[in-house]
Protein backbone atom coordinates (compact mmCIF):
# COMPACT_ATOMS: atom_id res chain seq x y z
CA UNK A 1 8.73 -15.88 16.46
CA UNK A 2 5.05 -15.47 16.99
CA UNK A 3 2.61 -14.94 14.16
CA UNK A 4 0.99 -12.29 16.34
CA UNK A 5 3.56 -9.60 15.57
CA UNK A 6 2.21 -6.35 14.17
CA UNK A 7 3.88 -6.95 10.82
CA UNK A 8 2.49 -10.44 10.26
CA UNK A 9 -1.00 -9.47 11.38
CA UNK A 10 -0.97 -6.63 8.87
CA UNK A 11 0.86 -8.53 6.15
CA UNK A 12 -1.64 -11.41 6.17
CA UNK A 13 -4.62 -9.11 5.69
CA UNK A 14 -5.98 -8.96 2.19
CA UNK A 15 -5.25 -5.60 0.65
CA UNK A 16 -1.89 -4.98 2.30
CA UNK A 17 0.38 -6.33 -0.42
CA UNK A 18 -1.96 -5.25 -3.21
CA UNK A 19 -1.86 -1.65 -1.97
CA UNK A 20 1.92 -1.56 -1.60
CA UNK A 21 2.47 -3.27 -4.94
CA UNK A 22 0.23 -0.87 -6.85
CA UNK A 23 1.74 2.23 -5.25
CA UNK A 24 5.30 0.95 -5.78
CA UNK A 25 4.60 0.58 -9.52
CA UNK A 26 4.08 4.32 -9.98
CA UNK A 27 6.77 7.01 -10.20
CA UNK A 28 7.60 8.37 -6.75
CA UNK A 29 5.26 5.66 -5.35
CA UNK A 30 2.28 7.99 -5.64
CA UNK A 31 -0.89 8.01 -7.71
CA UNK A 32 -4.22 9.80 -7.90
CA UNK A 33 -6.69 8.01 -5.67
CA UNK A 34 -9.10 7.54 -8.60
CA UNK A 35 -6.36 5.87 -10.68
CA UNK A 36 -5.44 3.69 -7.73
CA UNK A 37 -9.00 2.37 -7.51
CA UNK A 38 -9.12 1.82 -11.29
CA UNK A 39 -5.94 -0.21 -11.03
CA UNK A 40 -7.43 -2.31 -8.22
CA UNK A 41 -10.50 -3.06 -10.32
CA UNK A 42 -8.37 -3.81 -13.40
CA UNK A 43 -6.44 -6.39 -11.37
CA UNK A 44 -9.72 -8.13 -10.45
CA UNK A 45 -9.72 -6.82 -6.90
CA UNK A 46 -12.40 -4.84 -5.19
CA UNK A 47 -11.77 -1.43 -3.58
CA UNK A 48 -12.99 -2.95 -0.32
CA UNK A 49 -9.71 -4.84 0.09
CA UNK A 50 -8.00 -1.46 0.38
CA UNK A 51 -10.53 -0.15 2.87
CA UNK A 52 -9.91 -3.20 5.09
CA UNK A 53 -6.30 -2.14 5.67
CA UNK A 54 -6.43 1.60 5.03
CA UNK A 55 -6.68 2.70 8.67
CA UNK A 56 -3.82 0.43 9.74
CA UNK A 57 -1.64 1.59 6.86
CA UNK A 58 -2.29 5.20 7.83
CA UNK A 59 -1.84 4.54 11.55
CA UNK A 60 1.54 2.88 10.99
CA UNK A 61 2.61 5.65 8.58
CA UNK A 62 3.00 3.29 5.61
CA UNK A 63 0.77 5.32 3.29
CA UNK A 64 -0.42 8.92 3.36
CA UNK A 65 -2.56 11.32 1.37
CA UNK A 66 -1.88 14.73 -0.11
CA UNK A 67 -3.47 17.05 -2.63
CA UNK A 68 -1.88 17.75 -5.99
CA UNK A 69 -1.83 21.18 -7.64
CA UNK A 70 -5.36 20.57 -9.00
CA UNK A 71 -6.65 19.59 -5.54
CA UNK A 72 -6.98 15.94 -6.50
CA UNK A 73 -6.40 13.42 -3.72
CA UNK A 74 -3.12 11.54 -4.12
CA UNK A 75 -2.23 8.40 -2.20
CA UNK A 76 1.43 7.56 -1.73
CA UNK A 77 3.87 5.31 0.06
CA UNK A 78 5.73 7.11 2.81
CA UNK A 79 9.46 6.65 3.32
CA UNK A 80 8.63 3.96 5.83
CA UNK A 81 6.26 2.33 3.33
CA UNK A 82 8.94 2.27 0.63
CA UNK A 83 11.39 0.75 3.10
CA UNK A 84 8.89 -1.98 4.06
CA UNK A 85 8.19 -2.71 0.38
CA UNK A 86 11.93 -3.01 -0.32
CA UNK A 87 12.41 -5.39 2.62
CA UNK A 88 9.52 -7.57 1.41
CA UNK A 89 11.19 -7.75 -2.00
CA UNK A 90 14.52 -8.67 -0.37
CA UNK A 91 12.83 -11.53 1.47
CA UNK A 92 11.20 -12.70 -1.78
CA UNK A 93 14.63 -12.80 -3.46
CA UNK A 94 16.00 -14.92 -0.61
CA UNK A 95 13.25 -17.46 -1.11
């Protein structure tokens, strides 16, 4: 298997796992964007790591945005994103 598959190219980029891990920690895998960035900073990461992978995550329908009832921007894992996160965890358990 080549390391040039879409998954491995995306998975190796800094920000991919951090984004999925943070979103998966919240109920319904969604969080206010401002809280997401606070969590990144609290974990000694910079928001730039998210911006490096954001477009690819959106393009591949792994994350999405919506507005809550107060018109705050919410970032969340899509169904596909949750499935990918679960498969990554399955692989980790195998190792």
